[in-house]
Amino acid sequence: MRELWILLGLLSMGLGIIGIVLPILPTTPFFLVTAYSFTRGSDRFSNWFHNIPLVQKHLTSLAMTKRKKWTLNIAVDTILITYFFLFDTTVVRITLIALILIKHIVFFKYVKTE
């Protein structure tokens, strides 16, 4: 079971690193999953991960600048709206609208702004 936690940690860390470059992927949630997975899997991996300066930056500062918030929201909205027009199913369209609304509420109400 420990190996699965380490594998999940490595996978989420890779996605988190990609998220640093691409505004479509959020970095912090992936790093949080990595931290949790490494804590469950191995003390050695956990200590190594927590001592990386880039990780410390993303895990200690959970606030985003206004520019980052808007960039991320516009990118994700573009993708969700594209899917809205690609699918003709009413259930899928309602789900996508709900996702957009929930995303905006969470981002502007609960995610801190620097």
PDB file of N, CA and C in Angstrom:
ATOM      1  N   MET A   1       0.816  -1.200   0.000  1.00  0.00           N
ATOM      2  CA  MET A   1       0.000   0.000   0.000  1.00  0.00           C
ATOM      3  C   MET A   1       0.863   1.268   0.000  1.00  0.00           C
ATOM      4  N   ARG A   2       1.992   1.190   0.675  1.00  0.00           N
ATOM      5  CA  ARG A   2       2.889   2.352   0.715  1.00  0.00           C
ATOM      6  C   ARG A   2       3.373   2.726  -0.679  1.00  0.00           C
ATOM      7  N   GLU A   3       3.608   1.723  -1.505  1.00  0.00           N
ATOM      8  CA  GLU A   3       4.080   1.984  -2.872  1.00  0.00           C
ATOM      9  C   GLU A   3       3.028   2.741  -3.680  1.00  0.00           C
ATOM     10  N   LEU A   4       1.747   2.407  -3.453  1.00  0.00           N
ATOM     11  CA  LEU A   4       0.681   3.118  -4.168  1.00  0.00           C
ATOM     12  C   LEU A   4       0.614   4.582  -3.746  1.00  0.00           C
ATOM     13  N   TRP A   5       0.820   4.857  -2.462  1.00  0.00           N
ATOM     14  CA  TRP A   5       0.835   6.240  -1.991  1.00  0.00           C
ATOM     15  C   TRP A   5       1.984   7.011  -2.616  1.00  0.00           C
ATOM     16  N   ILE A   6       3.156   6.364  -2.690  1.00  0.00           N
ATOM     17  CA  ILE A   6       4.323   7.027  -3.294  1.00  0.00           C
ATOM     18  C   ILE A   6       4.079   7.265  -4.780  1.00  0.00           C
ATOM     19  N   LEU A   7       3.491   6.277  -5.467  1.00  0.00           N
ATOM     20  CA  LEU A   7       3.188   6.429  -6.894  1.00  0.00           C
ATOM     21  C   LEU A   7       2.180   7.559  -7.112  1.00  0.00           C
ATOM     22  N   LEU A   8       1.140   7.624  -6.285  1.00  0.00           N
ATOM     23  CA  LEU A   8       0.166   8.724  -6.382  1.00  0.00           C
ATOM     24  C   LEU A   8       0.848  10.067  -6.114  1.00  0.00           C
ATOM     25  N   GLY A   9       1.751  10.094  -5.149  1.00  0.00           N
ATOM     26  CA  GLY A   9       2.486  11.320  -4.851  1.00  0.00           C
ATOM     27  C   GLY A   9       3.344  11.774  -6.021  1.00  0.00           C
ATOM     28  N   LEU A  10       4.028  10.845  -6.652  1.00  0.00           N
ATOM     29  CA  LEU A  10       4.863  11.192  -7.808  1.00  0.00           C
ATOM     30  C   LEU A  10       4.018  11.683  -8.978  1.00  0.00           C
ATOM     31  N   LEU A  11       2.882  11.025  -9.201  1.00  0.00           N
ATOM     32  CA  LEU A  11       1.995  11.435 -10.287  1.00  0.00           C
ATOM     33  C   LEU A  11       1.442  12.837 -10.044  1.00  0.00           C
ATOM     34  N   SER A  12       0.953  13.090  -8.837  1.00  0.00           N
ATOM     35  CA  SER A  12       0.394  14.415  -8.558  1.00  0.00           C
ATOM     36  C   SER A  12       1.480  15.490  -8.530  1.00  0.00           C
ATOM     37  N   MET A  13       2.700  15.118  -8.130  1.00  0.00           N
ATOM     38  CA  MET A  13       3.793  16.084  -8.171  1.00  0.00           C
ATOM     39  C   MET A  13       4.113  16.456  -9.613  1.00  0.00           C
ATOM     40  N   GLY A  14       4.113  15.476 -10.509  1.00  0.00           N
ATOM     41  CA  GLY A  14       4.344  15.763 -11.922  1.00  0.00           C
ATOM     42  C   GLY A  14       3.293  16.692 -12.493  1.00  0.00           C
ATOM     43  N   LEU A  15       2.029  16.438 -12.144  1.00  0.00           N
ATOM     44  CA  LEU A  15       0.956  17.321 -12.616  1.00  0.00           C
ATOM     45  C   LEU A  15       1.080  18.716 -12.003  1.00  0.00           C
ATOM     46  N   GLY A  16       1.512  18.780 -10.753  1.00  0.00           N
ATOM     47  CA  GLY A  16       1.721  20.077 -10.113  1.00  0.00           C
ATOM     48  C   GLY A  16       2.825  20.874 -10.778  1.00  0.00           C
ATOM     49  N   ILE A  17       3.891  20.192 -11.167  1.00  0.00           N
ATOM     50  CA  ILE A  17       5.001  20.863 -11.853  1.00  0.00           C
ATOM     51  C   ILE A  17       4.539  21.376 -13.219  1.00  0.00           C
ATOM     52  N   ILE A  18       3.748  20.567 -13.920  1.00  0.00           N
ATOM     53  CA  ILE A  18       3.192  21.015 -15.199  1.00  0.00           C
ATOM     54  C   ILE A  18       2.279  22.224 -14.970  1.00  0.00           C
ATOM     55  N   GLY A  19       1.548  22.215 -13.849  1.00  0.00           N
ATOM     56  CA  GLY A  19       0.653  23.317 -13.525  1.00  0.00           C
ATOM     57  C   GLY A  19       1.362  24.626 -13.237  1.00  0.00           C
ATOM     58  N   ILE A  20       2.653  24.564 -12.899  1.00  0.00           N
ATOM     59  CA  ILE A  20       3.415  25.799 -12.709  1.00  0.00           C
ATOM     60  C   ILE A  20       3.532  26.542 -14.030  1.00  0.00           C
ATOM     61  N   VAL A  21       3.693  25.789 -15.114  1.00  0.00           N
ATOM     62  CA  VAL A  21       3.888  26.388 -16.433  1.00  0.00           C
ATOM     63  C   VAL A  21       2.558  26.677 -17.124  1.00  0.00           C
ATOM     64  N   LEU A  22       1.610  25.745 -17.020  1.00  0.00           N
ATOM     65  CA  LEU A  22       0.322  25.897 -17.692  1.00  0.00           C
ATOM     66  C   LEU A  22      -0.724  26.449 -16.725  1.00  0.00           C
ATOM     67  N   PRO A  23      -1.380  27.538 -17.082  1.00  0.00           N
ATOM     68  CA  PRO A  23      -2.389  28.104 -16.177  1.00  0.00           C
ATOM     69  C   PRO A  23      -3.658  27.253 -16.085  1.00  0.00           C
ATOM     70  N   ILE A  24      -3.775  26.241 -16.942  1.00  0.00           N
ATOM     71  CA  ILE A  24      -4.978  25.402 -16.942  1.00  0.00           C
ATOM     72  C   ILE A  24      -4.980  24.464 -15.735  1.00  0.00           C
ATOM     73  N   LEU A  25      -3.815  23.983 -15.348  1.00  0.00           N
ATOM     74  CA  LEU A  25      -3.711  23.065 -14.209  1.00  0.00           C
ATOM     75  C   LEU A  25      -3.361  23.834 -12.941  1.00  0.00           C
ATOM     76  N   PRO A  26      -4.122  23.625 -11.884  1.00  0.00           N
ATOM     77  CA  PRO A  26      -3.791  24.299 -10.629  1.00  0.00           C
ATOM     78  C   PRO A  26      -2.646  23.581  -9.919  1.00  0.00           C
ATOM     79  N   THR A  27      -1.640  24.301  -9.505  1.00  0.00           N
ATOM     80  CA  THR A  27      -0.459  23.707  -8.884  1.00  0.00           C
ATOM     81  C   THR A  27      -0.703  23.312  -7.439  1.00  0.00           C
ATOM     82  N   THR A  28      -1.277  24.202  -6.661  1.00  0.00           N
ATOM     83  CA  THR A  28      -1.396  23.983  -5.220  1.00  0.00           C
ATOM     84  C   THR A  28      -2.173  22.725  -4.858  1.00  0.00           C
ATOM     85  N   PRO A  29      -3.347  22.446  -5.463  1.00  0.00           N
ATOM     86  CA  PRO A  29      -4.041  21.213  -5.081  1.00  0.00           C
ATOM     87  C   PRO A  29      -3.229  19.951  -5.362  1.00  0.00           C
ATOM     88  N   PHE A  30      -2.501  19.952  -6.478  1.00  0.00           N
ATOM     89  CA  PHE A  30      -1.674  18.790  -6.781  1.00  0.00           C
ATOM     90  C   PHE A  30      -0.534  18.651  -5.772  1.00  0.00           C
ATOM     91  N   PHE A  31       0.047  19.761  -5.363  1.00  0.00           N
ATOM     92  CA  PHE A  31       1.108  19.696  -4.352  1.00  0.00           C
ATOM     93  C   PHE A  31       0.557  19.258  -2.994  1.00  0.00           C
ATOM     94  N   LEU A  32      -0.672  19.646  -2.678  1.00  0.00           N
ATOM     95  CA  LEU A  32      -1.282  19.191  -1.436  1.00  0.00           C
ATOM     96  C   LEU A  32      -1.531  17.690  -1.459  1.00  0.00           C
ATOM     97  N   VAL A  33      -1.992  17.174  -2.600  1.00  0.00           N
ATOM     98  CA  VAL A  33      -2.178  15.723  -2.744  1.00  0.00           C
ATOM     99  C   VAL A  33      -0.829  15.016  -2.646  1.00  0.00           C
ATOM    100  N   THR A  34       0.194  15.598  -3.240  1.00  0.00           N
ATOM    101  CA  THR A  34       1.534  15.027  -3.156  1.00  0.00           C
ATOM    102  C   THR A  34       2.011  14.970  -1.716  1.00  0.00           C
ATOM    103  N   ALA A  35       1.845  16.064  -0.993  1.00  0.00           N
ATOM    104  CA  ALA A  35       2.271  16.102   0.407  1.00  0.00           C
ATOM    105  C   ALA A  35       1.539  15.045   1.224  1.00  0.00           C
ATOM    106  N   TYR A  36       0.242  14.926   1.030  1.00  0.00           N
ATOM    107  CA  TYR A  36      -0.538  13.922   1.766  1.00  0.00           C
ATOM    108  C   TYR A  36      -0.098  12.510   1.391  1.00  0.00           C
ATOM    109  N   SER A  37       0.074  12.270   0.091  1.00  0.00           N
ATOM    110  CA  SER A  37       0.464  10.934  -0.369  1.00  0.00           C
ATOM    111  C   SER A  37       1.837  10.538   0.147  1.00  0.00           C
ATOM    112  N   PHE A  38       2.791  11.447   0.076  1.00  0.00           N
ATOM    113  CA  PHE A  38       4.127  11.135   0.577  1.00  0.00           C
ATOM    114  C   PHE A  38       4.131  10.940   2.090  1.00  0.00           C
ATOM    115  N   THR A  39       3.292  11.673   2.806  1.00  0.00           N
ATOM    116  CA  THR A  39       3.193  11.493   4.246  1.00  0.00           C
ATOM    117  C   THR A  39       2.669  10.105   4.575  1.00  0.00           C
ATOM    118  N   ARG A  40       1.719   9.624   3.786  1.00  0.00           N
ATOM    119  CA  ARG A  40       1.165   8.288   4.004  1.00  0.00           C
ATOM    120  C   ARG A  40       2.117   7.193   3.515  1.00  0.00           C
ATOM    121  N   GLY A  41       2.947   7.515   2.512  1.00  0.00           N
ATOM    122  CA  GLY A  41       3.781   6.491   1.895  1.00  0.00           C
ATOM    123  C   GLY A  41       5.170   6.341   2.476  1.00  0.00           C
ATOM    124  N   SER A  42       5.851   7.451   2.744  1.00  0.00           N
ATOM    125  CA  SER A  42       7.245   7.352   3.158  1.00  0.00           C
ATOM    126  C   SER A  42       7.701   8.648   3.821  1.00  0.00           C
ATOM    127  N   ASP A  43       8.351   8.506   4.969  1.00  0.00           N
ATOM    128  CA  ASP A  43       8.906   9.681   5.649  1.00  0.00           C
ATOM    129  C   ASP A  43      10.017  10.312   4.822  1.00  0.00           C
ATOM    130  N   ARG A  44      10.788   9.478   4.154  1.00  0.00           N
ATOM    131  CA  ARG A  44      11.897   9.978   3.344  1.00  0.00           C
ATOM    132  C   ARG A  44      11.399  10.858   2.195  1.00  0.00           C
ATOM    133  N   PHE A  45      10.386  10.367   1.453  1.00  0.00           N
ATOM    134  CA  PHE A  45       9.814  11.160   0.362  1.00  0.00           C
ATOM    135  C   PHE A  45       9.142  12.414   0.907  1.00  0.00           C
ATOM    136  N   SER A  46       8.460  12.293   2.028  1.00  0.00           N
ATOM    137  CA  SER A  46       7.774  13.433   2.625  1.00  0.00           C
ATOM    138  C   SER A  46       8.763  14.533   3.012  1.00  0.00           C
ATOM    139  N   ASN A  47       9.847  14.167   3.673  1.00  0.00           N
ATOM    140  CA  ASN A  47      10.866  15.149   4.062  1.00  0.00           C
ATOM    141  C   ASN A  47      11.509  15.790   2.842  1.00  0.00           C
ATOM    142  N   TRP A  48      11.804  14.975   1.842  1.00  0.00           N
ATOM    143  CA  TRP A  48      12.408  15.492   0.611  1.00  0.00           C
ATOM    144  C   TRP A  48      11.477  16.503  -0.052  1.00  0.00           C
ATOM    145  N   PHE A  49      10.189  16.150  -0.161  1.00  0.00           N
ATOM    146  CA  PHE A  49       9.226  17.018  -0.842  1.00  0.00           C
ATOM    147  C   PHE A  49       9.028  18.333  -0.098  1.00  0.00           C
ATOM    148  N   HIS A  50       8.923  18.258   1.219  1.00  0.00           N
ATOM    149  CA  HIS A  50       8.674  19.474   1.999  1.00  0.00           C
ATOM    150  C   HIS A  50       9.878  20.412   2.042  1.00  0.00           C
ATOM    151  N   ASN A  51      11.062  19.938   1.699  1.00  0.00           N
ATOM    152  CA  ASN A  51      12.256  20.781   1.728  1.00  0.00           C
ATOM    153  C   ASN A  51      12.605  21.389   0.377  1.00  0.00           C
ATOM    154  N   ILE A  52      11.799  21.178  -0.639  1.00  0.00           N
ATOM    155  CA  ILE A  52      12.021  21.794  -1.950  1.00  0.00           C
ATOM    156  C   ILE A  52      11.536  23.250  -1.872  1.00  0.00           C
ATOM    157  N   PRO A  53      12.394  24.238  -2.180  1.00  0.00           N
ATOM    158  CA  PRO A  53      12.003  25.653  -2.049  1.00  0.00           C
ATOM    159  C   PRO A  53      10.758  26.029  -2.861  1.00  0.00           C
ATOM    160  N   LEU A  54      10.640  25.506  -4.068  1.00  0.00           N
ATOM    161  CA  LEU A  54       9.483  25.826  -4.908  1.00  0.00           C
ATOM    162  C   LEU A  54       8.192  25.319  -4.264  1.00  0.00           C
ATOM    163  N   VAL A  55       8.254  24.163  -3.664  1.00  0.00           N
ATOM    164  CA  VAL A  55       7.085  23.589  -2.991  1.00  0.00           C
ATOM    165  C   VAL A  55       6.735  24.415  -1.769  1.00  0.00           C
ATOM    166  N   GLN A  56       7.730  24.825  -1.032  1.00  0.00           N
ATOM    167  CA  GLN A  56       7.480  25.656   0.148  1.00  0.00           C
ATOM    168  C   GLN A  56       6.771  26.947  -0.243  1.00  0.00           C
ATOM    169  N   LYS A  57       7.156  27.498  -1.385  1.00  0.00           N
ATOM    170  CA  LYS A  57       6.520  28.730  -1.865  1.00  0.00           C
ATOM    171  C   LYS A  57       5.037  28.505  -2.147  1.00  0.00           C
ATOM    172  N   HIS A  58       4.712  27.397  -2.817  1.00  0.00           N
ATOM    173  CA  HIS A  58       3.324  27.149  -3.206  1.00  0.00           C
ATOM    174  C   HIS A  58       2.465  26.658  -2.050  1.00  0.00           C
ATOM    175  N   LEU A  59       3.050  25.967  -1.095  1.00  0.00           N
ATOM    176  CA  LEU A  59       2.251  25.450   0.016  1.00  0.00           C
ATOM    177  C   LEU A  59       2.056  26.473   1.125  1.00  0.00           C
ATOM    178  N   THR A  60       2.991  27.409   1.267  1.00  0.00           N
ATOM    179  CA  THR A  60       2.834  28.395   2.328  1.00  0.00           C
ATOM    180  C   THR A  60       1.959  29.565   1.901  1.00  0.00           C
ATOM    181  N   SER A  61       2.005  29.928   0.639  1.00  0.00           N
ATOM    182  CA  SER A  61       1.191  31.032   0.143  1.00  0.00           C
ATOM    183  C   SER A  61       0.018  30.477  -0.648  1.00  0.00           C
ATOM    184  N   LEU A  62      -1.148  30.412  -0.014  1.00  0.00           N
ATOM    185  CA  LEU A  62      -2.327  29.885  -0.695  1.00  0.00           C
ATOM    186  C   LEU A  62      -3.152  30.990  -1.340  1.00  0.00           C
ATOM    187  N   ALA A  63      -2.589  32.179  -1.470  1.00  0.00           N
ATOM    188  CA  ALA A  63      -3.283  33.284  -2.116  1.00  0.00           C
ATOM    189  C   ALA A  63      -2.790  33.421  -3.556  1.00  0.00           C
ATOM    190  N   MET A  64      -3.637  34.010  -4.392  1.00  0.00           N
ATOM    191  CA  MET A  64      -3.287  34.229  -5.792  1.00  0.00           C
ATOM    192  C   MET A  64      -3.400  35.715  -6.091  1.00  0.00           C
ATOM    193  N   THR A  65      -2.603  36.166  -7.047  1.00  0.00           N
ATOM    194  CA  THR A  65      -2.739  37.547  -7.492  1.00  0.00           C
ATOM    195  C   THR A  65      -4.014  37.661  -8.335  1.00  0.00           C
ATOM    196  N   LYS A  66      -4.506  38.890  -8.495  1.00  0.00           N
ATOM    197  CA  LYS A  66      -5.703  39.089  -9.314  1.00  0.00           C
ATOM    198  C   LYS A  66      -5.470  38.633 -10.746  1.00  0.00           C
ATOM    199  N   ARG A  67      -4.277  38.897 -11.235  1.00  0.00           N
ATOM    200  CA  ARG A  67      -3.953  38.506 -12.615  1.00  0.00           C
ATOM    201  C   ARG A  67      -4.001  36.992 -12.772  1.00  0.00           C
ATOM    202  N   LYS A  68      -3.434  36.264 -11.811  1.00  0.00           N
ATOM    203  CA  LYS A  68      -3.468  34.802 -11.874  1.00  0.00           C
ATOM    204  C   LYS A  68      -4.894  34.277 -11.792  1.00  0.00           C
ATOM    205  N   LYS A  69      -5.685  34.879 -10.923  1.00  0.00           N
ATOM    206  CA  LYS A  69      -7.086  34.458 -10.802  1.00  0.00           C
ATOM    207  C   LYS A  69      -7.826  34.626 -12.120  1.00  0.00           C
ATOM    208  N   TRP A  70      -7.689  35.795 -12.722  1.00  0.00           N
ATOM    209  CA  TRP A  70      -8.392  36.050 -13.971  1.00  0.00           C
ATOM    210  C   TRP A  70      -7.871  35.175 -15.107  1.00  0.00           C
ATOM    211  N   THR A  71      -6.555  35.003 -15.170  1.00  0.00           N
ATOM    212  CA  THR A  71      -5.978  34.165 -16.223  1.00  0.00           C
ATOM    213  C   THR A  71      -6.485  32.736 -16.111  1.00  0.00           C
ATOM    214  N   LEU A  72      -6.465  32.195 -14.916  1.00  0.00           N
ATOM    215  CA  LEU A  72      -6.926  30.827 -14.694  1.00  0.00           C
ATOM    216  C   LEU A  72      -8.415  30.700 -14.992  1.00  0.00           C
ATOM    217  N   ASN A  73      -9.211  31.661 -14.524  1.00  0.00           N
ATOM    218  CA  ASN A  73     -10.643  31.605 -14.774  1.00  0.00           C
ATOM    219  C   ASN A  73     -10.976  31.697 -16.251  1.00  0.00           C
ATOM    220  N   ILE A  74     -10.311  32.561 -16.972  1.00  0.00           N
ATOM    221  CA  ILE A  74     -10.582  32.701 -18.408  1.00  0.00           C
ATOM    222  C   ILE A  74     -10.181  31.432 -19.147  1.00  0.00           C
ATOM    223  N   ALA A  75      -9.046  30.848 -18.796  1.00  0.00           N
ATOM    224  CA  ALA A  75      -8.601  29.622 -19.458  1.00  0.00           C
ATOM    225  C   ALA A  75      -9.577  28.473 -19.212  1.00  0.00           C
ATOM    226  N   VAL A  76      -9.975  28.290 -17.977  1.00  0.00           N
ATOM    227  CA  VAL A  76     -10.892  27.194 -17.655  1.00  0.00           C
ATOM    228  C   VAL A  76     -12.273  27.455 -18.247  1.00  0.00           C
ATOM    229  N   ASP A  77     -12.735  28.684 -18.192  1.00  0.00           N
ATOM    230  CA  ASP A  77     -14.030  29.015 -18.804  1.00  0.00           C
ATOM    231  C   ASP A  77     -14.021  28.748 -20.303  1.00  0.00           C
ATOM    232  N   THR A  78     -12.928  29.073 -20.964  1.00  0.00           N
ATOM    233  CA  THR A  78     -12.813  28.813 -22.404  1.00  0.00           C
ATOM    234  C   THR A  78     -12.971  27.332 -22.698  1.00  0.00           C
ATOM    235  N   ILE A  79     -12.323  26.506 -21.910  1.00  0.00           N
ATOM    236  CA  ILE A  79     -12.417  25.057 -22.108  1.00  0.00           C
ATOM    237  C   ILE A  79     -13.840  24.571 -21.840  1.00  0.00           C
ATOM    238  N   LEU A  80     -14.428  25.013 -20.723  1.00  0.00           N
ATOM    239  CA  LEU A  80     -15.777  24.559 -20.378  1.00  0.00           C
ATOM    240  C   LEU A  80     -16.820  25.043 -21.389  1.00  0.00           C
ATOM    241  N   ILE A  81     -16.673  26.266 -21.873  1.00  0.00           N
ATOM    242  CA  ILE A  81     -17.614  26.779 -22.869  1.00  0.00           C
ATOM    243  C   ILE A  81     -17.454  26.036 -24.191  1.00  0.00           C
ATOM    244  N   THR A  82     -16.231  25.675 -24.542  1.00  0.00           N
ATOM    245  CA  THR A  82     -16.001  24.875 -25.750  1.00  0.00           C
ATOM    246  C   THR A  82     -16.736  23.548 -25.647  1.00  0.00           C
ATOM    247  N   TYR A  83     -16.621  22.886 -24.494  1.00  0.00           N
ATOM    248  CA  TYR A  83     -17.342  21.632 -24.295  1.00  0.00           C
ATOM    249  C   TYR A  83     -18.854  21.847 -24.318  1.00  0.00           C
ATOM    250  N   PHE A  84     -19.306  22.991 -23.829  1.00  0.00           N
ATOM    251  CA  PHE A  84     -20.737  23.302 -23.847  1.00  0.00           C
ATOM    252  C   PHE A  84     -21.273  23.268 -25.276  1.00  0.00           C
ATOM    253  N   PHE A  85     -20.520  23.817 -26.223  1.00  0.00           N
ATOM    254  CA  PHE A  85     -20.977  23.848 -27.607  1.00  0.00           C
ATOM    255  C   PHE A  85     -20.711  22.541 -28.348  1.00  0.00           C
ATOM    256  N   LEU A  86     -19.812  21.720 -27.847  1.00  0.00           N
ATOM    257  CA  LEU A  86     -19.530  20.446 -28.502  1.00  0.00           C
ATOM    258  C   LEU A  86     -20.566  19.371 -28.169  1.00  0.00           C
ATOM    259  N   PHE A  87     -21.186  19.447 -26.991  1.00  0.00           N
ATOM    260  CA  PHE A  87     -22.139  18.429 -26.565  1.00  0.00           C
ATOM    261  C   PHE A  87     -23.564  18.950 -26.700  1.00  0.00           C
ATOM    262  N   ASP A  88     -24.453  18.087 -27.226  1.00  0.00           N
ATOM    263  CA  ASP A  88     -25.849  18.472 -27.389  1.00  0.00           C
ATOM    264  C   ASP A  88     -26.721  17.989 -26.237  1.00  0.00           C
ATOM    265  N   THR A  89     -26.152  17.220 -25.325  1.00  0.00           N
ATOM    266  CA  THR A  89     -26.914  16.660 -24.218  1.00  0.00           C
ATOM    267  C   THR A  89     -27.243  17.744 -23.191  1.00  0.00           C
ATOM    268  N   THR A  90     -28.492  17.817 -22.808  1.00  0.00           N
ATOM    269  CA  THR A  90     -28.940  18.826 -21.858  1.00  0.00           C
ATOM    270  C   THR A  90     -28.281  18.645 -20.498  1.00  0.00           C
ATOM    271  N   VAL A  91     -28.158  17.408 -20.053  1.00  0.00           N
ATOM    272  CA  VAL A  91     -27.554  17.133 -18.740  1.00  0.00           C
ATOM    273  C   VAL A  91     -26.108  17.611 -18.706  1.00  0.00           C
ATOM    274  N   VAL A  92     -25.371  17.362 -19.771  1.00  0.00           N
ATOM    275  CA  VAL A  92     -23.975  17.795 -19.834  1.00  0.00           C
ATOM    276  C   VAL A  92     -23.896  19.317 -19.823  1.00  0.00           C
ATOM    277  N   ARG A  93     -24.763  19.965 -20.568  1.00  0.00           N
ATOM    278  CA  ARG A  93     -24.744  21.432 -20.613  1.00  0.00           C
ATOM    279  C   ARG A  93     -25.095  22.043 -19.262  1.00  0.00           C
ATOM    280  N   ILE A  94     -26.083  21.489 -18.572  1.00  0.00           N
ATOM    281  CA  ILE A  94     -26.448  21.989 -17.250  1.00  0.00           C
ATOM    282  C   ILE A  94     -25.305  21.777 -16.270  1.00  0.00           C
ATOM    283  N   THR A  95     -24.652  20.620 -16.354  1.00  0.00           N
ATOM    284  CA  THR A  95     -23.507  20.325 -15.491  1.00  0.00           C
ATOM    285  C   THR A  95     -22.373  21.310 -15.734  1.00  0.00           C
ATOM    286  N   LEU A  96     -22.094  21.613 -16.985  1.00  0.00           N
ATOM    287  CA  LEU A  96     -21.027  22.562 -17.310  1.00  0.00           C
ATOM    288  C   LEU A  96     -21.352  23.965 -16.797  1.00  0.00           C
ATOM    289  N   ILE A  97     -22.593  24.395 -16.936  1.00  0.00           N
ATOM    290  CA  ILE A  97     -22.990  25.707 -16.408  1.00  0.00           C
ATOM    291  C   ILE A  97     -22.834  25.729 -14.892  1.00  0.00           C
ATOM    292  N   ALA A  98     -23.241  24.636 -14.237  1.00  0.00           N
ATOM    293  CA  ALA A  98     -23.095  24.553 -12.781  1.00  0.00           C
ATOM    294  C   ALA A  98     -21.625  24.596 -12.382  1.00  0.00           C
ATOM    295  N   LEU A  99     -20.762  23.908 -13.121  1.00  0.00           N
ATOM    296  CA  LEU A  99     -19.326  23.930 -12.833  1.00  0.00           C
ATOM    297  C   LEU A  99     -18.756  25.336 -12.963  1.00  0.00           C
ATOM    298  N   ILE A 100     -19.158  26.034 -13.997  1.00  0.00           N
ATOM    299  CA  ILE A 100     -18.669  27.403 -14.193  1.00  0.00           C
ATOM    300  C   ILE A 100     -19.099  28.289 -13.025  1.00  0.00           C
ATOM    301  N   LEU A 101     -20.358  28.189 -12.641  1.00  0.00           N
ATOM    302  CA  LEU A 101     -20.853  29.011 -11.531  1.00  0.00           C
ATOM    303  C   LEU A 101     -20.162  28.672 -10.213  1.00  0.00           C
ATOM    304  N   ILE A 102     -20.036  27.391  -9.918  1.00  0.00           N
ATOM    305  CA  ILE A 102     -19.373  26.963  -8.678  1.00  0.00           C
ATOM    306  C   ILE A 102     -17.916  27.415  -8.671  1.00  0.00           C
ATOM    307  N   LYS A 103     -17.241  27.283  -9.814  1.00  0.00           N
ATOM    308  CA  LYS A 103     -15.842  27.687  -9.917  1.00  0.00           C
ATOM    309  C   LYS A 103     -15.682  29.171  -9.618  1.00  0.00           C
ATOM    310  N   HIS A 104     -16.550  29.987 -10.180  1.00  0.00           N
ATOM    311  CA  HIS A 104     -16.460  31.431  -9.944  1.00  0.00           C
ATOM    312  C   HIS A 104     -16.749  31.773  -8.487  1.00  0.00           C
ATOM    313  N   ILE A 105     -17.733  31.128  -7.893  1.00  0.00           N
ATOM    314  CA  ILE A 105     -18.050  31.384  -6.483  1.00  0.00           C
ATOM    315  C   ILE A 105     -16.862  31.016  -5.601  1.00  0.00           C
ATOM    316  N   VAL A 106     -16.293  29.849  -5.830  1.00  0.00           N
ATOM    317  CA  VAL A 106     -15.158  29.407  -5.012  1.00  0.00           C
ATOM    318  C   VAL A 106     -13.961  30.325  -5.204  1.00  0.00           C
ATOM    319  N   PHE A 107     -13.648  30.653  -6.440  1.00  0.00           N
ATOM    320  CA  PHE A 107     -12.464  31.472  -6.701  1.00  0.00           C
ATOM    321  C   PHE A 107     -12.575  32.864  -6.120  1.00  0.00           C
ATOM    322  N   PHE A 108     -13.723  33.469  -6.238  1.00  0.00           N
ATOM    323  CA  PHE A 108     -13.821  34.855  -5.809  1.00  0.00           C
ATOM    324  C   PHE A 108     -14.273  35.008  -4.363  1.00  0.00           C
ATOM    325  N   LYS A 109     -14.790  33.944  -3.767  1.00  0.00           N
ATOM    326  CA  LYS A 109     -15.218  34.040  -2.386  1.00  0.00           C
ATOM    327  C   LYS A 109     -14.220  33.404  -1.421  1.00  0.00           C
ATOM    328  N   TYR A 110     -13.604  32.290  -1.814  1.00  0.00           N
ATOM    329  CA  TYR A 110     -12.778  31.524  -0.875  1.00  0.00           C
ATOM    330  C   TYR A 110     -11.273  31.567  -1.152  1.00  0.00           C
ATOM    331  N   VAL A 111     -10.849  31.804  -2.379  1.00  0.00           N
ATOM    332  CA  VAL A 111      -9.423  31.871  -2.676  1.00  0.00           C
ATOM    333  C   VAL A 111      -8.937  33.292  -2.400  1.00  0.00           C
ATOM    334  N   LYS A 112      -7.953  33.396  -1.536  1.00  0.00           N
ATOM    335  CA  LYS A 112      -7.464  34.718  -1.122  1.00  0.00           C
ATOM    336  C   LYS A 112      -6.725  35.402  -2.278  1.00  0.00           C
ATOM    337  N   THR A 113      -6.793  36.727  -2.283  1.00  0.00           N
ATOM    338  CA  THR A 113      -6.093  37.532  -3.275  1.00  0.00           C
ATOM    339  C   THR A 113      -4.934  38.249  -2.609  1.00  0.00           C
ATOM    340  N   GLU A 114      -3.768  38.172  -3.257  1.00  0.00           N
ATOM    341  CA  GLU A 114      -2.567  38.842  -2.703  1.00  0.00           C
ATOM    342  C   GLU A 114      -2.635  40.327  -2.961  1.00  0.00           C
TER     343      GLU A 114
END
